[in-house]
C-alpha atoms as a PDB file:
ATOM      1  CA  MET A   1     180.001-114.498  22.841  1.00  0.00           C
ATOM      2  CA  ARG A   2     179.317-117.848  21.227  1.00  0.00           C
ATOM      3  CA  PRO A   3     179.970-121.095  23.068  1.00  0.00           C
ATOM      4  CA  SER A   4     183.508-122.295  22.442  1.00  0.00           C
ATOM      5  CA  SER A   5     183.053-125.989  21.816  1.00  0.00           C
ATOM      6  CA  PHE A   6     180.983-127.762  19.168  1.00  0.00           C
ATOM      7  CA  ASP A   7     178.916-129.572  21.808  1.00  0.00           C
ATOM      8  CA  GLU A   8     178.249-126.358  23.809  1.00  0.00           C
ATOM      9  CA  PHE A   9     177.240-124.595  20.632  1.00  0.00           C
ATOM     10  CA  GLU A  10     174.806-127.370  19.605  1.00  0.00           C
ATOM     11  CA  ARG A  11     173.217-127.449  23.056  1.00  0.00           C
ATOM     12  CA  SER A  12     172.824-123.661  23.048  1.00  0.00           C
ATOM     13  CA  MET A  13     170.878-123.798  19.760  1.00  0.00           C
ATOM     14  CA  TRP A  14     168.208-125.989  21.298  1.00  0.00           C
ATOM     15  CA  SER A  15     167.930-124.302  24.655  1.00  0.00           C
ATOM     16  CA  GLY A  16     164.275-123.759  25.565  1.00  0.00           C
ATOM     17  CA  GLN A  17     163.138-124.742  22.091  1.00  0.00           C
ATOM     18  CA  ALA A  18     161.160-127.947  22.786  1.00  0.00           C
ATOM     19  CA  GLU A  19     157.680-126.623  22.032  1.00  0.00           C
ATOM     20  CA  ILE A  20     158.546-124.834  18.811  1.00  0.00           C
ATOM     21  CA  PHE A  21     160.650-127.820  17.675  1.00  0.00           C
ATOM     22  CA  ASN A  22     157.683-130.121  18.312  1.00  0.00           C
ATOM     23  CA  GLU A  23     155.390-127.850  16.273  1.00  0.00           C
ATOM     24  CA  THR A  24     157.799-127.537  13.311  1.00  0.00           C
ATOM     25  CA  MET A  25     160.892-129.656  12.636  1.00  0.00           C
ATOM     26  CA  ALA A  26     159.715-132.701  14.651  1.00  0.00           C
ATOM     27  CA  HIS A  27     157.356-133.412  11.751  1.00  0.00           C
ATOM     28  CA  LEU A  28     160.346-133.822   9.416  1.00  0.00           C
ATOM     29  CA  CYS A  29     162.483-135.769  11.833  1.00  0.00           C
ATOM     30  CA  GLY A  30     159.686-138.098  12.820  1.00  0.00           C
ATOM     31  CA  HIS A  31     159.305-139.812   9.442  1.00  0.00           C
ATOM     32  CA  THR A  32     162.209-142.204  10.058  1.00  0.00           C
ATOM     33  CA  ALA A  33     160.952-143.368  13.491  1.00  0.00           C
ATOM     34  CA  PRO A  34     159.224-146.621  12.284  1.00  0.00           C
ATOM     35  CA  ALA A  35     162.243-147.707  10.243  1.00  0.00           C
ATOM     36  CA  LEU A  36     164.633-146.822  13.060  1.00  0.00           C
ATOM     37  CA  LEU A  37     162.708-148.934  15.577  1.00  0.00           C
ATOM     38  CA  SER A  38     162.387-151.811  13.137  1.00  0.00           C
ATOM     39  CA  ALA A  39     166.172-151.764  12.700  1.00  0.00           C
ATOM     40  CA  ALA A  40     166.617-151.851  16.464  1.00  0.00           C
ATOM     41  CA  GLY A  41     163.956-154.458  17.352  1.00  0.00           C
ATOM     42  CA  ASP A  42     163.136-156.410  14.192  1.00  0.00           C
ATOM     43  CA  ARG A  43     159.530-155.112  14.483  1.00  0.00           C
ATOM     44  CA  ASP A  44     158.891-156.914  17.785  1.00  0.00           C
ATOM     45  CA  LEU A  45     159.335-154.367  20.575  1.00  0.00           C
ATOM     46  CA  ALA A  46     157.142-155.944  23.238  1.00  0.00           C
ATOM     47  CA  GLY A  47     159.102-155.919  26.471  1.00  0.00           C
ATOM     48  CA  LEU A  48     162.237-154.633  24.777  1.00  0.00           C
ATOM     49  CA  ARG A  49     164.394-152.437  27.041  1.00  0.00           C
ATOM     50  CA  LEU A  50     164.946-149.543  24.662  1.00  0.00           C
ATOM     51  CA  LEU A  51     167.079-146.427  25.114  1.00  0.00           C
ATOM     52  CA  ASP A  52     166.142-143.433  22.957  1.00  0.00           C
ATOM     53  CA  VAL A  53     169.177-141.088  22.944  1.00  0.00           C
ATOM     54  CA  GLY A  54     168.538-137.462  22.062  1.00  0.00           C
ATOM     55  CA  THR A  55     164.811-137.972  22.218  1.00  0.00           C
ATOM     56  CA  GLY A  56     163.883-134.384  21.292  1.00  0.00           C
ATOM     57  CA  SER A  57     160.165-134.012  21.832  1.00  0.00           C
ATOM     58  CA  GLY A  58     159.707-137.775  22.160  1.00  0.00           C
ATOM     59  CA  THR A  59     158.483-138.933  18.748  1.00  0.00           C
ATOM     60  CA  VAL A  60     160.512-142.133  18.700  1.00  0.00           C
ATOM     61  CA  ALA A  61     159.994-142.756  22.416  1.00  0.00           C
ATOM     62  CA  GLY A  62     156.238-142.403  22.002  1.00  0.00           C
ATOM     63  CA  LEU A  63     156.077-144.792  19.069  1.00  0.00           C
ATOM     64  CA  ALA A  64     158.206-147.336  20.906  1.00  0.00           C
ATOM     65  CA  ASP A  65     156.079-147.030  24.038  1.00  0.00           C
ATOM     66  CA  ALA A  66     152.940-147.591  21.967  1.00  0.00           C
ATOM     67  CA  ARG A  67     154.487-150.754  20.541  1.00  0.00           C
ATOM     68  CA  GLY A  68     155.157-152.194  23.974  1.00  0.00           C
ATOM     69  CA  ALA A  69     158.803-151.376  24.568  1.00  0.00           C
ATOM     70  CA  ARG A  70     160.112-150.475  28.049  1.00  0.00           C
ATOM     71  CA  VAL A  71     161.372-147.050  27.069  1.00  0.00           C
ATOM     72  CA  THR A  72     164.023-144.908  28.657  1.00  0.00           C
ATOM     73  CA  ALA A  73     164.489-141.554  26.823  1.00  0.00           C
ATOM     74  CA  VAL A  74     167.284-139.056  27.395  1.00  0.00           C
ATOM     75  CA  ASP A  75     168.147-135.611  26.030  1.00  0.00           C
ATOM     76  CA  ALA A  76     170.724-133.002  26.823  1.00  0.00           C
ATOM     77  CA  GLU A  77     168.158-130.160  26.722  1.00  0.00           C
ATOM     78  CA  PRO A  78     165.904-129.771  29.831  1.00  0.00           C
ATOM     79  CA  SER A  79     162.939-128.430  27.855  1.00  0.00           C
ATOM     80  CA  MET A  80     162.984-131.542  25.664  1.00  0.00           C
ATOM     81  CA  VAL A  81     163.081-133.749  28.739  1.00  0.00           C
ATOM     82  CA  GLU A  82     160.148-131.912  30.302  1.00  0.00           C
ATOM     83  CA  LEU A  83     158.063-132.054  27.108  1.00  0.00           C
ATOM     84  CA  THR A  84     158.788-135.742  26.424  1.00  0.00           C
ATOM     85  CA  ALA A  85     157.911-136.690  29.981  1.00  0.00           C
ATOM     86  CA  LYS A  86     154.477-135.072  29.421  1.00  0.00           C
ATOM     87  CA  ARG A  87     153.950-136.578  25.967  1.00  0.00           C
ATOM     88  CA  VAL A  88     155.150-140.085  26.819  1.00  0.00           C
ATOM     89  CA  PRO A  89     154.157-140.750  30.439  1.00  0.00           C
ATOM     90  CA  GLY A  90     154.939-144.468  30.032  1.00  0.00           C
ATOM     91  CA  ALA A  91     158.649-143.775  29.507  1.00  0.00           C
ATOM     92  CA  GLU A  92     161.376-142.988  31.966  1.00  0.00           C
ATOM     93  CA  VAL A  93     162.742-139.634  30.773  1.00  0.00           C
ATOM     94  CA  ARG A  94     166.061-138.201  32.040  1.00  0.00           C
ATOM     95  CA  GLN A  95     168.567-135.524  31.163  1.00  0.00           C
ATOM     96  CA  ALA A  96     171.868-136.962  29.837  1.00  0.00           C
ATOM     97  CA  ILE A  97     174.605-135.885  27.491  1.00  0.00           C
ATOM     98  CA  LEU A  98     176.488-138.174  25.079  1.00  0.00           C
ATOM     99  CA  PRO A  99     178.787-139.967  25.421  1.00  0.00           C
ATOM    100  CA  GLU A 100     178.518-140.124  29.228  1.00  0.00           C
ATOM    101  CA  LEU A 101     175.221-141.953  29.612  1.00  0.00           C
ATOM    102  CA  PRO A 102     174.237-142.448  33.271  1.00  0.00           C
ATOM    103  CA  PHE A 103     173.501-146.159  33.072  1.00  0.00           C
ATOM    104  CA  ALA A 104     175.341-149.361  33.909  1.00  0.00           C
ATOM    105  CA  ASP A 105     176.926-151.481  31.251  1.00  0.00           C
ATOM    106  CA  ALA A 106     174.522-153.744  29.315  1.00  0.00           C
ATOM    107  CA  THR A 107     171.403-152.116  30.740  1.00  0.00           C
ATOM    108  CA  PHE A 108     169.372-152.109  27.529  1.00  0.00           C
ATOM    109  CA  ASP A 109     168.417-154.512  24.727  1.00  0.00           C
ATOM    110  CA  ALA A 110     168.655-151.766  22.104  1.00  0.00           C
ATOM    111  CA  ALA A 111     169.504-148.097  21.710  1.00  0.00           C
ATOM    112  CA  VAL A 112     168.486-145.658  18.996  1.00  0.00           C
ATOM    113  CA  ALA A 113     169.466-142.107  18.067  1.00  0.00           C
ATOM    114  CA  ASN A 114     167.306-140.253  15.558  1.00  0.00           C
ATOM    115  CA  PHE A 115     169.283-137.357  13.958  1.00  0.00           C
ATOM    116  CA  VAL A 116     171.518-137.052  16.993  1.00  0.00           C
ATOM    117  CA  ILE A 117     174.963-138.236  15.852  1.00  0.00           C
ATOM    118  CA  ASN A 118     175.169-135.231  13.524  1.00  0.00           C
ATOM    119  CA  HIS A 119     174.845-132.934  16.544  1.00  0.00           C
ATOM    120  CA  VAL A 120     177.709-134.214  18.740  1.00  0.00           C
ATOM    121  CA  GLY A 121     181.345-133.205  18.818  1.00  0.00           C
ATOM    122  CA  ASP A 122     182.736-136.748  18.858  1.00  0.00           C
ATOM    123  CA  PRO A 123     180.445-139.068  16.846  1.00  0.00           C
ATOM    124  CA  ALA A 124     182.604-142.200  17.450  1.00  0.00           C
ATOM    125  CA  ALA A 125     182.545-141.604  21.175  1.00  0.00           C
ATOM    126  CA  ALA A 126     178.773-141.165  21.064  1.00  0.00           C
ATOM    127  CA  ILE A 127     178.326-144.574  19.361  1.00  0.00           C
ATOM    128  CA  ALA A 128     180.769-146.105  21.853  1.00  0.00           C
ATOM    129  CA  GLY A 129     178.710-144.693  24.727  1.00  0.00           C
ATOM    130  CA  MET A 130     175.571-146.259  23.289  1.00  0.00           C
ATOM    131  CA  ARG A 131     177.338-149.531  22.754  1.00  0.00           C
ATOM    132  CA  ARG A 132     178.500-149.667  26.377  1.00  0.00           C
ATOM    133  CA  VAL A 133     174.940-149.588  27.749  1.00  0.00           C
ATOM    134  CA  VAL A 134     173.516-152.189  25.339  1.00  0.00           C
ATOM    135  CA  ARG A 135     173.821-155.903  26.187  1.00  0.00           C
ATOM    136  CA  PRO A 136     175.820-158.260  23.947  1.00  0.00           C
ATOM    137  CA  GLY A 137     173.631-159.275  21.083  1.00  0.00           C
ATOM    138  CA  GLY A 138     171.589-156.124  21.394  1.00  0.00           C
ATOM    139  CA  ARG A 139     171.010-153.633  18.610  1.00  0.00           C
ATOM    140  CA  ILE A 140     171.975-150.000  17.913  1.00  0.00           C
ATOM    141  CA  ALA A 141     170.305-147.982  15.143  1.00  0.00           C
ATOM    142  CA  VAL A 142     170.925-144.351  14.160  1.00  0.00           C
ATOM    143  CA  THR A 143     169.830-141.885  11.517  1.00  0.00           C
ATOM    144  CA  ILE A 144     171.544-138.756  10.179  1.00  0.00           C
ATOM    145  CA  TRP A 145     171.034-136.220   7.398  1.00  0.00           C
ATOM    146  CA  PRO A 146     173.235-137.039   4.409  1.00  0.00           C
ATOM    147  CA  HIS A 147     175.714-134.926   2.518  1.00  0.00           C
ATOM    148  CA  PRO A 148     175.346-133.848  -0.229  1.00  0.00           C
ATOM    149  CA  LYS A 149     172.167-132.429   1.177  1.00  0.00           C
ATOM    150  CA  PRO A 150     168.763-133.726  -0.056  1.00  0.00           C
ATOM    151  CA  GLU A 151     166.406-131.359  -1.801  1.00  0.00           C
ATOM    152  CA  ALA A 152     164.466-130.101   1.233  1.00  0.00           C
ATOM    153  CA  GLN A 153     167.638-129.081   3.117  1.00  0.00           C
ATOM    154  CA  ARG A 154     169.326-127.803  -0.021  1.00  0.00           C
ATOM    155  CA  LEU A 155     166.374-125.524  -0.651  1.00  0.00           C
ATOM    156  CA  TRP A 156     167.212-123.454   2.432  1.00  0.00           C
ATOM    157  CA  ASP A 157     170.796-122.920   1.086  1.00  0.00           C
ATOM    158  CA  GLU A 158     169.320-121.732  -2.175  1.00  0.00           C
ATOM    159  CA  ILE A 159     166.994-119.370  -0.362  1.00  0.00           C
ATOM    160  CA  PHE A 160     169.835-117.877   1.713  1.00  0.00           C
ATOM    161  CA  ASP A 161     172.103-117.559  -1.322  1.00  0.00           C
ATOM    162  CA  ALA A 162     169.422-115.834  -3.424  1.00  0.00           C
ATOM    163  CA  ALA A 163     168.698-113.395  -0.645  1.00  0.00           C
ATOM    164  CA  GLY A 164     172.398-112.546  -0.131  1.00  0.00           C
ATOM    165  CA  ALA A 165     172.418-113.899   3.420  1.00  0.00           C
ATOM    166  CA  VAL A 166     175.788-114.031   5.135  1.00  0.00           C
ATOM    167  CA  ARG A 167     176.631-117.124   7.172  1.00  0.00           C
ATOM    168  CA  PRO A 168     178.159-116.299  10.578  1.00  0.00           C
ATOM    169  CA  ALA A 169     181.914-116.734  10.401  1.00  0.00           C
ATOM    170  CA  ASP A 170     182.431-117.796  14.012  1.00  0.00           C
ATOM    171  CA  LEU A 171     180.413-120.981  14.113  1.00  0.00           C
ATOM    172  CA  PRO A 172     182.267-123.807  15.924  1.00  0.00           C
ATOM    173  CA  ARG A 173     183.197-126.594  13.502  1.00  0.00           C
ATOM    174  CA  LEU A 174     183.506-130.287  14.144  1.00  0.00           C
ATOM    175  CA  ASP A 175     187.168-131.327  14.510  1.00  0.00           C
ATOM    176  CA  PRO A 176     188.094-132.863  11.149  1.00  0.00           C
ATOM    177  CA  ALA A 177     189.863-135.694  12.968  1.00  0.00           C
ATOM    178  CA  LEU A 178     186.526-136.635  14.613  1.00  0.00           C
ATOM    179  CA  ASP A 179     184.333-136.176  11.577  1.00  0.00           C
ATOM    180  CA  PHE A 180     183.017-138.896   9.254  1.00  0.00           C
ATOM    181  CA  ARG A 181     181.653-139.024   5.729  1.00  0.00           C
ATOM    182  CA  ARG A 182     177.963-138.220   5.746  1.00  0.00           C
ATOM    183  CA  ASP A 183     177.043-140.938   3.264  1.00  0.00           C
ATOM    184  CA  GLN A 184     175.957-144.547   3.652  1.00  0.00           C
ATOM    185  CA  ALA A 185     179.523-145.919   3.614  1.00  0.00           C
ATOM    186  CA  GLY A 186     180.731-143.323   6.153  1.00  0.00           C
ATOM    187  CA  LEU A 187     177.875-143.962   8.586  1.00  0.00           C
ATOM    188  CA  THR A 188     178.238-147.729   8.474  1.00  0.00           C
ATOM    189  CA  ALA A 189     181.978-147.401   8.942  1.00  0.00           C
ATOM    190  CA  LEU A 190     181.355-145.249  12.039  1.00  0.00           C
ATOM    191  CA  LEU A 191     179.261-148.010  13.616  1.00  0.00           C
ATOM    192  CA  ALA A 192     181.632-150.776  12.624  1.00  0.00           C
ATOM    193  CA  GLY A 193     184.543-148.780  14.028  1.00  0.00           C
ATOM    194  CA  ALA A 194     182.763-148.760  17.406  1.00  0.00           C
ATOM    195  CA  GLY A 195     182.802-152.578  17.378  1.00  0.00           C
ATOM    196  CA  LEU A 196     179.293-153.304  16.090  1.00  0.00           C
ATOM    197  CA  THR A 197     178.937-156.365  13.875  1.00  0.00           C
ATOM    198  CA  GLY A 198     176.669-157.041  10.947  1.00  0.00           C
ATOM    199  CA  VAL A 199     176.315-153.337  10.262  1.00  0.00           C
ATOM    200  CA  THR A 200     173.911-152.440   7.503  1.00  0.00           C
ATOM    201  CA  GLY A 201     172.988-149.108   6.002  1.00  0.00           C
ATOM    202  CA  THR A 202     170.219-147.736   3.820  1.00  0.00           C
ATOM    203  CA  THR A 203     168.883-144.483   2.430  1.00  0.00           C
ATOM    204  CA  ILE A 204     165.338-143.574   3.272  1.00  0.00           C
ATOM    205  CA  SER A 205     163.763-141.254   0.721  1.00  0.00           C
ATOM    206  CA  TRP A 206     160.321-139.634   1.036  1.00  0.00           C
ATOM    207  CA  THR A 207     158.335-136.482   0.306  1.00  0.00           C
ATOM    208  CA  MET A 208     158.076-134.222   3.292  1.00  0.00           C
ATOM    209  CA  ARG A 209     154.580-132.794   3.609  1.00  0.00           C
ATOM    210  CA  ILE A 210     154.419-129.809   5.893  1.00  0.00           C
ATOM    211  CA  ASP A 211     152.479-126.595   6.227  1.00  0.00           C
ATOM    212  CA  ALA A 212     154.470-123.786   4.628  1.00  0.00           C
ATOM    213  CA  ALA A 213     153.895-121.488   7.626  1.00  0.00           C
ATOM    214  CA  ALA A 214     155.193-124.218  10.004  1.00  0.00           C
ATOM    215  CA  TRP A 215     158.316-124.749   7.885  1.00  0.00           C
ATOM    216  CA  TRP A 216     159.047-121.035   8.028  1.00  0.00           C
ATOM    217  CA  SER A 217     158.201-120.609  11.707  1.00  0.00           C
ATOM    218  CA  GLY A 218     160.877-123.026  12.914  1.00  0.00           C
ATOM    219  CA  PRO A 219     163.879-121.047  11.555  1.00  0.00           C
ATOM    220  CA  ALA A 220     162.057-117.786  12.345  1.00  0.00           C
ATOM    221  CA  ALA A 221     161.996-118.877  15.967  1.00  0.00           C
ATOM    222  CA  GLY A 222     165.733-119.712  15.862  1.00  0.00           C
ATOM    223  CA  ILE A 223     165.450-123.500  15.470  1.00  0.00           C
ATOM    224  CA  GLY A 224     168.699-125.178  14.412  1.00  0.00           C
ATOM    225  CA  LEU A 225     171.470-123.894  12.233  1.00  0.00           C
ATOM    226  CA  THR A 226     168.967-122.509   9.719  1.00  0.00           C
ATOM    227  CA  GLY A 227     167.435-120.411  12.480  1.00  0.00           C
ATOM    228  CA  LEU A 228     170.854-119.222  13.600  1.00  0.00           C
ATOM    229  CA  ILE A 229     171.710-118.079  10.104  1.00  0.00           C
ATOM    230  CA  LEU A 230     168.374-116.293   9.737  1.00  0.00           C
ATOM    231  CA  ALA A 231     168.784-114.545  13.081  1.00  0.00           C
ATOM    232  CA  ALA A 232     172.203-113.233  12.057  1.00  0.00           C
ATOM    233  CA  GLN A 233     170.843-111.164   9.126  1.00  0.00           C
ATOM    234  CA  ASP A 234     170.045-107.509   9.170  1.00  0.00           C
ATOM    235  CA  GLU A 235     166.409-106.522   8.622  1.00  0.00           C
ATOM    236  CA  PRO A 236     166.563-105.900   4.853  1.00  0.00           C
ATOM    237  CA  THR A 237     168.287-109.212   4.288  1.00  0.00           C
ATOM    238  CA  ALA A 238     165.793-111.029   6.554  1.00  0.00           C
ATOM    239  CA  ILE A 239     162.938-109.553   4.488  1.00  0.00           C
ATOM    240  CA  ARG A 240     164.617-110.832   1.296  1.00  0.00           C
ATOM    241  CA  VAL A 241     164.995-114.281   2.868  1.00  0.00           C
ATOM    242  CA  ARG A 242     161.285-114.364   3.553  1.00  0.00           C
ATOM    243  CA  GLN A 243     160.518-113.241  -0.007  1.00  0.00           C
ATOM    244  CA  GLU A 244     162.816-115.922  -1.413  1.00  0.00           C
ATOM    245  CA  PHE A 245     161.205-118.524   0.841  1.00  0.00           C
ATOM    246  CA  GLU A 246     157.817-117.702  -0.628  1.00  0.00           C
ATOM    247  CA  ARG A 247     159.102-117.679  -4.162  1.00  0.00           C
ATOM    248  CA  ARG A 248     161.206-120.831  -4.012  1.00  0.00           C
ATOM    249  CA  THR A 249     158.661-122.931  -2.084  1.00  0.00           C
ATOM    250  CA  ALA A 250     155.801-121.975  -4.467  1.00  0.00           C
ATOM    251  CA  PRO A 251     156.456-124.881  -6.869  1.00  0.00           C
ATOM    252  CA  TYR A 252     156.121-127.333  -3.998  1.00  0.00           C
ATOM    253  CA  ARG A 253     152.967-125.793  -2.530  1.00  0.00           C
ATOM    254  CA  GLY A 254     149.508-127.257  -2.990  1.00  0.00           C
ATOM    255  CA  PRO A 255     146.247-125.269  -2.941  1.00  0.00           C
ATOM    256  CA  ASP A 256     145.902-126.115   0.789  1.00  0.00           C
ATOM    257  CA  GLY A 257     149.256-124.446   1.603  1.00  0.00           C
ATOM    258  CA  ILE A 258     150.976-127.794   2.241  1.00  0.00           C
ATOM    259  CA  LEU A 259     154.446-128.163   0.839  1.00  0.00           C
ATOM    260  CA  ALA A 260     155.575-131.478  -0.723  1.00  0.00           C
ATOM    261  CA  VAL A 261     159.348-131.462  -0.838  1.00  0.00           C
ATOM    262  CA  PRO A 262     161.575-134.510  -1.531  1.00  0.00           C
ATOM    263  CA  THR A 263     164.112-135.358   1.187  1.00  0.00           C
ATOM    264  CA  ALA A 264     166.188-138.311   2.420  1.00  0.00           C
ATOM    265  CA  ALA A 265     167.974-139.643   5.462  1.00  0.00           C
ATOM    266  CA  LEU A 266     170.600-142.295   6.193  1.00  0.00           C
ATOM    267  CA  LEU A 267     169.865-145.248   8.541  1.00  0.00           C
ATOM    268  CA  ALA A 268     172.512-147.612   9.874  1.00  0.00           C
ATOM    269  CA  ALA A 269     172.233-150.405  12.472  1.00  0.00           C
ATOM    270  CA  GLY A 270     174.423-153.102  13.924  1.00  0.00           C
ATOM    271  CA  THR A 271     174.672-155.656  16.712  1.00  0.00           C
ATOM    272  CA  VAL A 272     176.706-155.291  19.909  1.00  0.00           C
END
């Protein structure tokens, strides 16, 4: 039986997946870390009290720590907390679930969330929770994947469609009343609606470079929604998915086996 709520469902997808996430999809998600931190700290992070919400395997936390910030990192998934604590020993790492962050009001100078707001059941409440723990004048910066999907993410849809894969019909969906447009205007409006001022938004475009085997092994291990869809297929369909993966990634593959696939993300930031 699947978890009943959107938040429970999202947390179940990442349960125990820290190591495989770090070896696969963290490579894709980590590209935006420098821009995210610049939006939160104007490039000067020395001594900044920074909260990294939904830290995953600690990519953003590690970069912030290396740049001199006083980092606190939280994640809902215990395996992510454990791995980040090992990878970023200079940070305080705790388990916490948005929007109920276990910190006093105005504790931090800035808070960031890298591809987290797209994984919570109440995005506005999540931003409000971050806003509460950041001091007046502090900064909040977030990234999400856009819709329509960029090429790298759209490629998986094309692979599934060509293989005749069936999407599970019982996936929990975000309440439409709590959803927001996954474009630059929608994301900036979400932050402004939470009371942030001077909100700005931008699109970050880049070419993802990743080993083809690593890009396959994430979904094959059940990582994220792509992994859930793959796991739901019968054996003949799963074989066709793998064949379509090989065929449709071939144009992006170099002689060293590294894929070069265009992708994009949305970044928005504002002041408390």
